[in-house]
C-alpha cells in the first residue's frame, strides 16, 4: 500500500501513529520557519506542517497540484 490512512480518515485518536498519506498538494504556504501543505485526496484534506530545515528545502520544489506521498508521525493537526 502507498498509504495507511486517507486524508479524511485521520482523527485525534491517530495522534502519535506513523501514517502514510498520498494525494495532491492543493495549497502551499511558506511562512519562512514553517511550510504548510494542504494535502487533498478524494476523501478530504489534511494539513501537513514542515518545520525541519532539511525537509523544507525538498518541499520547496513541490508545486500546487503535485502528487505527493508523505510518511511521518501524526501530531494531531488535521482539517
PDB file of N, CA and C in Angstrom:
ATOM      1  N   UNK A   1       0.833  -1.195   0.000  1.00  0.00           N
ATOM      2  CA  UNK A   1       0.000   0.000   0.000  1.00  0.00           C
ATOM      3  C   UNK A   1       0.870   1.249   0.000  1.00  0.00           C
ATOM      4  N   UNK A   2       0.412   2.246  -0.663  1.00  0.00           N
ATOM      5  CA  UNK A   2       1.131   3.510  -0.682  1.00  0.00           C
ATOM      6  C   UNK A   2       0.586   4.484   0.358  1.00  0.00           C
ATOM      7  N   UNK A   3      -0.467   4.109   1.083  1.00  0.00           N
ATOM      8  CA  UNK A   3      -0.950   4.924   2.196  1.00  0.00           C
ATOM      9  C   UNK A   3      -1.618   4.029   3.232  1.00  0.00           C
ATOM     10  N   UNK A   4      -1.512   4.459   4.494  1.00  0.00           N
ATOM     11  CA  UNK A   4      -2.147   3.713   5.578  1.00  0.00           C
ATOM     12  C   UNK A   4      -3.468   4.348   5.993  1.00  0.00           C
ATOM     13  N   UNK A   5      -3.646   5.629   5.689  1.00  0.00           N
ATOM     14  CA  UNK A   5      -4.876   6.365   6.000  1.00  0.00           C
ATOM     15  C   UNK A   5      -5.214   7.272   4.831  1.00  0.00           C
ATOM     16  N   UNK A   6      -6.458   7.680   4.757  1.00  0.00           N
ATOM     17  CA  UNK A   6      -6.843   8.705   3.791  1.00  0.00           C
ATOM     18  C   UNK A   6      -6.859  10.046   4.511  1.00  0.00           C
ATOM     19  N   UNK A   7      -6.889  11.121   3.756  1.00  0.00           N
ATOM     20  CA  UNK A   7      -6.883  12.454   4.369  1.00  0.00           C
ATOM     21  C   UNK A   7      -8.128  12.699   5.216  1.00  0.00           C
ATOM     22  N   UNK A   8      -9.256  12.140   4.851  1.00  0.00           N
ATOM     23  CA  UNK A   8     -10.474  12.312   5.628  1.00  0.00           C
ATOM     24  C   UNK A   8     -10.595  11.370   6.804  1.00  0.00           C
ATOM     25  N   UNK A   9      -9.673  10.458   6.945  1.00  0.00           N
ATOM     26  CA  UNK A   9      -9.767   9.398   7.951  1.00  0.00           C
ATOM     27  C   UNK A   9      -9.052   9.728   9.261  1.00  0.00           C
ATOM     28  N   UNK A  10      -8.099  10.647   9.252  1.00  0.00           N
ATOM     29  CA  UNK A  10      -7.333  10.947  10.465  1.00  0.00           C
ATOM     30  C   UNK A  10      -8.197  11.621  11.527  1.00  0.00           C
ATOM     31  N   UNK A  11      -8.030  11.180  12.771  1.00  0.00           N
ATOM     32  CA  UNK A  11      -8.743  11.769  13.901  1.00  0.00           C
ATOM     33  C   UNK A  11      -7.760  11.978  15.041  1.00  0.00           C
ATOM     34  N   UNK A  12      -8.223  12.540  16.124  1.00  0.00           N
ATOM     35  CA  UNK A  12      -7.391  12.751  17.307  1.00  0.00           C
ATOM     36  C   UNK A  12      -6.891  11.405  17.859  1.00  0.00           C
ATOM     37  N   UNK A  13      -7.592  10.341  17.569  1.00  0.00           N
ATOM     38  CA  UNK A  13      -7.177   9.006  18.003  1.00  0.00           C
ATOM     39  C   UNK A  13      -5.915   8.501  17.309  1.00  0.00           C
ATOM     40  N   UNK A  14      -5.531   9.146  16.226  1.00  0.00           N
ATOM     41  CA  UNK A  14      -4.339   8.745  15.476  1.00  0.00           C
ATOM     42  C   UNK A  14      -3.079   9.488  15.900  1.00  0.00           C
ATOM     43  N   UNK A  15      -3.172  10.360  16.906  1.00  0.00           N
ATOM     44  CA  UNK A  15      -2.004  11.123  17.349  1.00  0.00           C
ATOM     45  C   UNK A  15      -0.910  10.166  17.801  1.00  0.00           C
ATOM     46  N   UNK A  16       0.308  10.409  17.323  1.00  0.00           N
ATOM     47  CA  UNK A  16       1.453   9.578  17.689  1.00  0.00           C
ATOM     48  C   UNK A  16       1.686   8.388  16.773  1.00  0.00           C
ATOM     49  N   UNK A  17       0.732   8.067  15.910  1.00  0.00           N
ATOM     50  CA  UNK A  17       0.892   6.952  14.972  1.00  0.00           C
ATOM     51  C   UNK A  17       1.748   7.349  13.782  1.00  0.00           C
ATOM     52  N   UNK A  18       2.469   6.394  13.239  1.00  0.00           N
ATOM     53  CA  UNK A  18       3.168   6.592  11.974  1.00  0.00           C
ATOM     54  C   UNK A  18       2.133   6.399  10.867  1.00  0.00           C
ATOM     55  N   UNK A  19       1.930   7.415  10.036  1.00  0.00           N
ATOM     56  CA  UNK A  19       0.943   7.317   8.963  1.00  0.00           C
ATOM     57  C   UNK A  19       1.579   7.652   7.626  1.00  0.00           C
ATOM     58  N   UNK A  20       1.015   7.090   6.577  1.00  0.00           N
ATOM     59  CA  UNK A  20       1.413   7.399   5.208  1.00  0.00           C
ATOM     60  C   UNK A  20       0.191   7.938   4.490  1.00  0.00           C
ATOM     61  N   UNK A  21       0.362   9.106   3.864  1.00  0.00           N
ATOM     62  CA  UNK A  21      -0.711   9.734   3.104  1.00  0.00           C
ATOM     63  C   UNK A  21      -0.258   9.963   1.675  1.00  0.00           C
ATOM     64  N   UNK A  22      -1.201   9.997   0.772  1.00  0.00           N
ATOM     65  CA  UNK A  22      -0.903  10.309  -0.625  1.00  0.00           C
ATOM     66  C   UNK A  22      -2.041  11.155  -1.166  1.00  0.00           C
ATOM     67  N   UNK A  23      -1.684  12.116  -2.007  1.00  0.00           N
ATOM     68  CA  UNK A  23      -2.703  12.970  -2.599  1.00  0.00           C
ATOM     69  C   UNK A  23      -2.065  14.099  -3.380  1.00  0.00           C
ATOM     70  N   UNK A  24      -2.848  15.166  -3.576  1.00  0.00           N
ATOM     71  CA  UNK A  24      -2.391  16.317  -4.345  1.00  0.00           C
ATOM     72  C   UNK A  24      -2.171  17.496  -3.410  1.00  0.00           C
ATOM     73  N   UNK A  25      -1.124  18.258  -3.670  1.00  0.00           N
ATOM     74  CA  UNK A  25      -0.864  19.477  -2.902  1.00  0.00           C
ATOM     75  C   UNK A  25      -1.838  20.544  -3.389  1.00  0.00           C
ATOM     76  N   UNK A  26      -2.885  20.792  -2.613  1.00  0.00           N
ATOM     77  CA  UNK A  26      -3.909  21.753  -3.018  1.00  0.00           C
ATOM     78  C   UNK A  26      -3.432  23.183  -2.797  1.00  0.00           C
ATOM     79  N   UNK A  27      -2.795  23.428  -1.651  1.00  0.00           N
ATOM     80  CA  UNK A  27      -2.328  24.771  -1.324  1.00  0.00           C
ATOM     81  C   UNK A  27      -1.020  24.646  -0.565  1.00  0.00           C
ATOM     82  N   UNK A  28      -0.070  25.532  -0.857  1.00  0.00           N
ATOM     83  CA  UNK A  28       1.239  25.526  -0.184  1.00  0.00           C
ATOM     84  C   UNK A  28       1.509  26.935   0.307  1.00  0.00           C
ATOM     85  N   UNK A  29       1.794  27.047   1.615  1.00  0.00           N
ATOM     86  CA  UNK A  29       2.103  28.350   2.202  1.00  0.00           C
ATOM     87  C   UNK A  29       3.456  28.272   2.891  1.00  0.00           C
ATOM     88  N   UNK A  30       4.383  29.121   2.463  1.00  0.00           N
ATOM     89  CA  UNK A  30       5.721  29.167   3.044  1.00  0.00           C
ATOM     90  C   UNK A  30       5.785  30.375   3.966  1.00  0.00           C
ATOM     91  N   UNK A  31       5.874  30.140   5.265  1.00  0.00           N
ATOM     92  CA  UNK A  31       5.917  31.222   6.244  1.00  0.00           C
ATOM     93  C   UNK A  31       7.324  31.441   6.786  1.00  0.00           C
ATOM     94  N   UNK A  32       8.318  30.990   6.061  1.00  0.00           N
ATOM     95  CA  UNK A  32       9.703  31.165   6.491  1.00  0.00           C
ATOM     96  C   UNK A  32      10.164  30.013   7.354  1.00  0.00           C
ATOM     97  N   UNK A  33       9.774  29.992   8.605  1.00  0.00           N
ATOM     98  CA  UNK A  33      10.184  28.932   9.521  1.00  0.00           C
ATOM     99  C   UNK A  33       9.404  27.643   9.358  1.00  0.00           C
ATOM    100  N   UNK A  34       8.234  27.732   8.716  1.00  0.00           N
ATOM    101  CA  UNK A  34       7.383  26.564   8.509  1.00  0.00           C
ATOM    102  C   UNK A  34       6.736  26.638   7.134  1.00  0.00           C
ATOM    103  N   UNK A  35       6.505  25.471   6.564  1.00  0.00           N
ATOM    104  CA  UNK A  35       5.764  25.370   5.303  1.00  0.00           C
ATOM    105  C   UNK A  35       4.523  24.528   5.585  1.00  0.00           C
ATOM    106  N   UNK A  36       3.377  25.011   5.144  1.00  0.00           N
ATOM    107  CA  UNK A  36       2.114  24.297   5.302  1.00  0.00           C
ATOM    108  C   UNK A  36       1.647  23.818   3.936  1.00  0.00           C
ATOM    109  N   UNK A  37       1.274  22.541   3.872  1.00  0.00           N
ATOM    110  CA  UNK A  37       0.741  21.959   2.641  1.00  0.00           C
ATOM    111  C   UNK A  37      -0.643  21.409   2.951  1.00  0.00           C
ATOM    112  N   UNK A  38      -1.639  21.843   2.192  1.00  0.00           N
ATOM    113  CA  UNK A  38      -2.962  21.234   2.287  1.00  0.00           C
ATOM    114  C   UNK A  38      -2.973  20.065   1.314  1.00  0.00           C
ATOM    115  N   UNK A  39      -2.927  18.851   1.863  1.00  0.00           N
ATOM    116  CA  UNK A  39      -2.899  17.629   1.059  1.00  0.00           C
ATOM    117  C   UNK A  39      -4.334  17.164   0.851  1.00  0.00           C
ATOM    118  N   UNK A  40      -4.712  16.968  -0.419  1.00  0.00           N
ATOM    119  CA  UNK A  40      -6.087  16.607  -0.760  1.00  0.00           C
ATOM    120  C   UNK A  40      -6.120  15.239  -1.427  1.00  0.00           C
ATOM    121  N   UNK A  41      -7.075  14.431  -1.011  1.00  0.00           N
ATOM    122  CA  UNK A  41      -7.403  13.214  -1.751  1.00  0.00           C
ATOM    123  C   UNK A  41      -8.918  13.180  -1.917  1.00  0.00           C
ATOM    124  N   UNK A  42      -9.467  12.093  -2.438  1.00  0.00           N
ATOM    125  CA  UNK A  42     -10.905  12.059  -2.698  1.00  0.00           C
ATOM    126  C   UNK A  42     -11.751  11.991  -1.430  1.00  0.00           C
ATOM    127  N   UNK A  43     -11.098  11.826  -0.263  1.00  0.00           N
ATOM    128  CA  UNK A  43     -11.822  11.677   0.996  1.00  0.00           C
ATOM    129  C   UNK A  43     -11.750  12.902   1.904  1.00  0.00           C
ATOM    130  N   UNK A  44     -10.870  13.858   1.607  1.00  0.00           N
ATOM    131  CA  UNK A  44     -10.767  15.036   2.457  1.00  0.00           C
ATOM    132  C   UNK A  44      -9.448  15.775   2.276  1.00  0.00           C
ATOM    133  N   UNK A  45      -9.152  16.655   3.242  1.00  0.00           N
ATOM    134  CA  UNK A  45      -7.938  17.468   3.224  1.00  0.00           C
ATOM    135  C   UNK A  45      -7.246  17.341   4.576  1.00  0.00           C
ATOM    136  N   UNK A  46      -5.933  17.188   4.559  1.00  0.00           N
ATOM    137  CA  UNK A  46      -5.126  17.167   5.774  1.00  0.00           C
ATOM    138  C   UNK A  46      -4.025  18.196   5.622  1.00  0.00           C
ATOM    139  N   UNK A  47      -3.798  18.973   6.676  1.00  0.00           N
ATOM    140  CA  UNK A  47      -2.738  19.973   6.637  1.00  0.00           C
ATOM    141  C   UNK A  47      -1.428  19.330   7.102  1.00  0.00           C
ATOM    142  N   UNK A  48      -0.405  19.459   6.272  1.00  0.00           N
ATOM    143  CA  UNK A  48       0.933  18.952   6.570  1.00  0.00           C
ATOM    144  C   UNK A  48       1.786  20.141   6.984  1.00  0.00           C
ATOM    145  N   UNK A  49       2.486  20.024   8.113  1.00  0.00           N
ATOM    146  CA  UNK A  49       3.378  21.082   8.595  1.00  0.00           C
ATOM    147  C   UNK A  49       4.808  20.592   8.456  1.00  0.00           C
ATOM    148  N   UNK A  50       5.646  21.364   7.748  1.00  0.00           N
ATOM    149  CA  UNK A  50       7.053  21.016   7.556  1.00  0.00           C
ATOM    150  C   UNK A  50       7.880  22.083   8.272  1.00  0.00           C
ATOM    151  N   UNK A  51       8.520  21.678   9.384  1.00  0.00           N
ATOM    152  CA  UNK A  51       9.328  22.641  10.133  1.00  0.00           C
ATOM    153  C   UNK A  51      10.793  22.227  10.229  1.00  0.00           C
ATOM    154  N   UNK A  52      11.164  21.130   9.613  1.00  0.00           N
ATOM    155  CA  UNK A  52      12.547  20.677   9.555  1.00  0.00           C
ATOM    156  C   UNK A  52      13.235  21.368   8.374  1.00  0.00           C
ATOM    157  N   UNK A  53      14.366  22.020   8.616  1.00  0.00           N
ATOM    158  CA  UNK A  53      15.034  22.802   7.561  1.00  0.00           C
ATOM    159  C   UNK A  53      15.437  21.956   6.359  1.00  0.00           C
ATOM    160  N   UNK A  54      15.923  20.741   6.601  1.00  0.00           N
ATOM    161  CA  UNK A  54      16.332  19.867   5.502  1.00  0.00           C
ATOM    162  C   UNK A  54      15.125  19.501   4.640  1.00  0.00           C
ATOM    163  N   UNK A  55      14.013  19.151   5.280  1.00  0.00           N
ATOM    164  CA  UNK A  55      12.808  18.796   4.531  1.00  0.00           C
ATOM    165  C   UNK A  55      12.215  20.003   3.815  1.00  0.00           C
ATOM    166  N   UNK A  56      12.362  21.199   4.403  1.00  0.00           N
ATOM    167  CA  UNK A  56      11.834  22.397   3.756  1.00  0.00           C
ATOM    168  C   UNK A  56      12.490  22.627   2.405  1.00  0.00           C
ATOM    169  N   UNK A  57      13.782  22.343   2.308  1.00  0.00           N
ATOM    170  CA  UNK A  57      14.469  22.510   1.022  1.00  0.00           C
ATOM    171  C   UNK A  57      13.890  21.572  -0.027  1.00  0.00           C
ATOM    172  N   UNK A  58      13.551  20.345   0.367  1.00  0.00           N
ATOM    173  CA  UNK A  58      12.952  19.391  -0.565  1.00  0.00           C
ATOM    174  C   UNK A  58      11.535  19.822  -0.950  1.00  0.00           C
ATOM    175  N   UNK A  59      10.787  20.327   0.017  1.00  0.00           N
ATOM    176  CA  UNK A  59       9.392  20.705  -0.203  1.00  0.00           C
ATOM    177  C   UNK A  59       9.273  21.927  -1.116  1.00  0.00           C
ATOM    178  N   UNK A  60      10.285  22.781  -1.136  1.00  0.00           N
ATOM    179  CA  UNK A  60      10.221  23.996  -1.954  1.00  0.00           C
ATOM    180  C   UNK A  60      10.078  23.692  -3.446  1.00  0.00           C
ATOM    181  N   UNK A  61      10.424  22.487  -3.866  1.00  0.00           N
ATOM    182  CA  UNK A  61      10.293  22.130  -5.280  1.00  0.00           C
ATOM    183  C   UNK A  61       8.892  21.622  -5.631  1.00  0.00           C
ATOM    184  N   UNK A  62       8.022  21.464  -4.640  1.00  0.00           N
ATOM    185  CA  UNK A  62       6.659  20.983  -4.883  1.00  0.00           C
ATOM    186  C   UNK A  62       5.796  22.137  -5.365  1.00  0.00           C
ATOM    187  N   UNK A  63       5.051  21.893  -6.424  1.00  0.00           N
ATOM    188  CA  UNK A  63       4.103  22.875  -6.955  1.00  0.00           C
ATOM    189  C   UNK A  63       2.685  22.465  -6.596  1.00  0.00           C
ATOM    190  N   UNK A  64       1.776  23.424  -6.652  1.00  0.00           N
ATOM    191  CA  UNK A  64       0.363  23.132  -6.433  1.00  0.00           C
ATOM    192  C   UNK A  64      -0.091  22.080  -7.445  1.00  0.00           C
ATOM    193  N   UNK A  65      -0.921  21.166  -6.997  1.00  0.00           N
ATOM    194  CA  UNK A  65      -1.442  20.042  -7.769  1.00  0.00           C
ATOM    195  C   UNK A  65      -0.416  18.950  -8.036  1.00  0.00           C
ATOM    196  N   UNK A  66       0.763  19.032  -7.406  1.00  0.00           N
ATOM    197  CA  UNK A  66       1.722  17.927  -7.482  1.00  0.00           C
ATOM    198  C   UNK A  66       1.182  16.752  -6.675  1.00  0.00           C
ATOM    199  N   UNK A  67       1.400  15.556  -7.152  1.00  0.00           N
ATOM    200  CA  UNK A  67       1.016  14.352  -6.427  1.00  0.00           C
ATOM    201  C   UNK A  67       2.167  13.989  -5.491  1.00  0.00           C
ATOM    202  N   UNK A  68       1.879  13.870  -4.196  1.00  0.00           N
ATOM    203  CA  UNK A  68       2.945  13.595  -3.225  1.00  0.00           C
ATOM    204  C   UNK A  68       2.548  12.463  -2.280  1.00  0.00           C
ATOM    205  N   UNK A  69       3.559  11.856  -1.682  1.00  0.00           N
ATOM    206  CA  UNK A  69       3.412  10.790  -0.707  1.00  0.00           C
ATOM    207  C   UNK A  69       4.196  11.215   0.533  1.00  0.00           C
ATOM    208  N   UNK A  70       3.557  11.125   1.703  1.00  0.00           N
ATOM    209  CA  UNK A  70       4.178  11.559   2.949  1.00  0.00           C
ATOM    210  C   UNK A  70       4.106  10.421   3.955  1.00  0.00           C
ATOM    211  N   UNK A  71       5.211  10.199   4.656  1.00  0.00           N
ATOM    212  CA  UNK A  71       5.252   9.189   5.705  1.00  0.00           C
ATOM    213  C   UNK A  71       5.885   9.830   6.938  1.00  0.00           C
ATOM    214  N   UNK A  72       5.087  10.050   7.954  1.00  0.00           N
ATOM    215  CA  UNK A  72       5.560  10.697   9.189  1.00  0.00           C
ATOM    216  C   UNK A  72       4.660  10.340  10.357  1.00  0.00           C
ATOM    217  N   UNK A  73       5.086  10.763  11.545  1.00  0.00           N
ATOM    218  CA  UNK A  73       4.277  10.591  12.734  1.00  0.00           C
ATOM    219  C   UNK A  73       3.215  11.678  12.763  1.00  0.00           C
ATOM    220  N   UNK A  74       1.976  11.283  13.046  1.00  0.00           N
ATOM    221  CA  UNK A  74       0.844  12.210  13.118  1.00  0.00           C
ATOM    222  C   UNK A  74       0.898  12.955  14.425  1.00  0.00           C
ATOM    223  N   UNK A  75       0.946  14.287  14.351  1.00  0.00           N
ATOM    224  CA  UNK A  75       0.967  15.085  15.585  1.00  0.00           C
ATOM    225  C   UNK A  75      -0.404  15.608  15.965  1.00  0.00           C
ATOM    226  N   UNK A  76      -1.424  15.276  15.181  1.00  0.00           N
ATOM    227  CA  UNK A  76      -2.787  15.604  15.583  1.00  0.00           C
ATOM    228  C   UNK A  76      -3.372  16.866  14.991  1.00  0.00           C
ATOM    229  N   UNK A  77      -2.682  17.534  14.110  1.00  0.00           N
ATOM    230  CA  UNK A  77      -3.216  18.749  13.481  1.00  0.00           C
ATOM    231  C   UNK A  77      -3.810  18.352  12.140  1.00  0.00           C
ATOM    232  N   UNK A  78      -5.129  18.268  12.054  1.00  0.00           N
ATOM    233  CA  UNK A  78      -5.739  17.932  10.761  1.00  0.00           C
ATOM    234  C   UNK A  78      -6.968  18.786  10.511  1.00  0.00           C
ATOM    235  N   UNK A  79      -7.343  18.907   9.260  1.00  0.00           N
ATOM    236  CA  UNK A  79      -8.514  19.698   8.866  1.00  0.00           C
ATOM    237  C   UNK A  79      -9.701  18.801   8.697  1.00  0.00           C
TER     238      UNK A  79
END
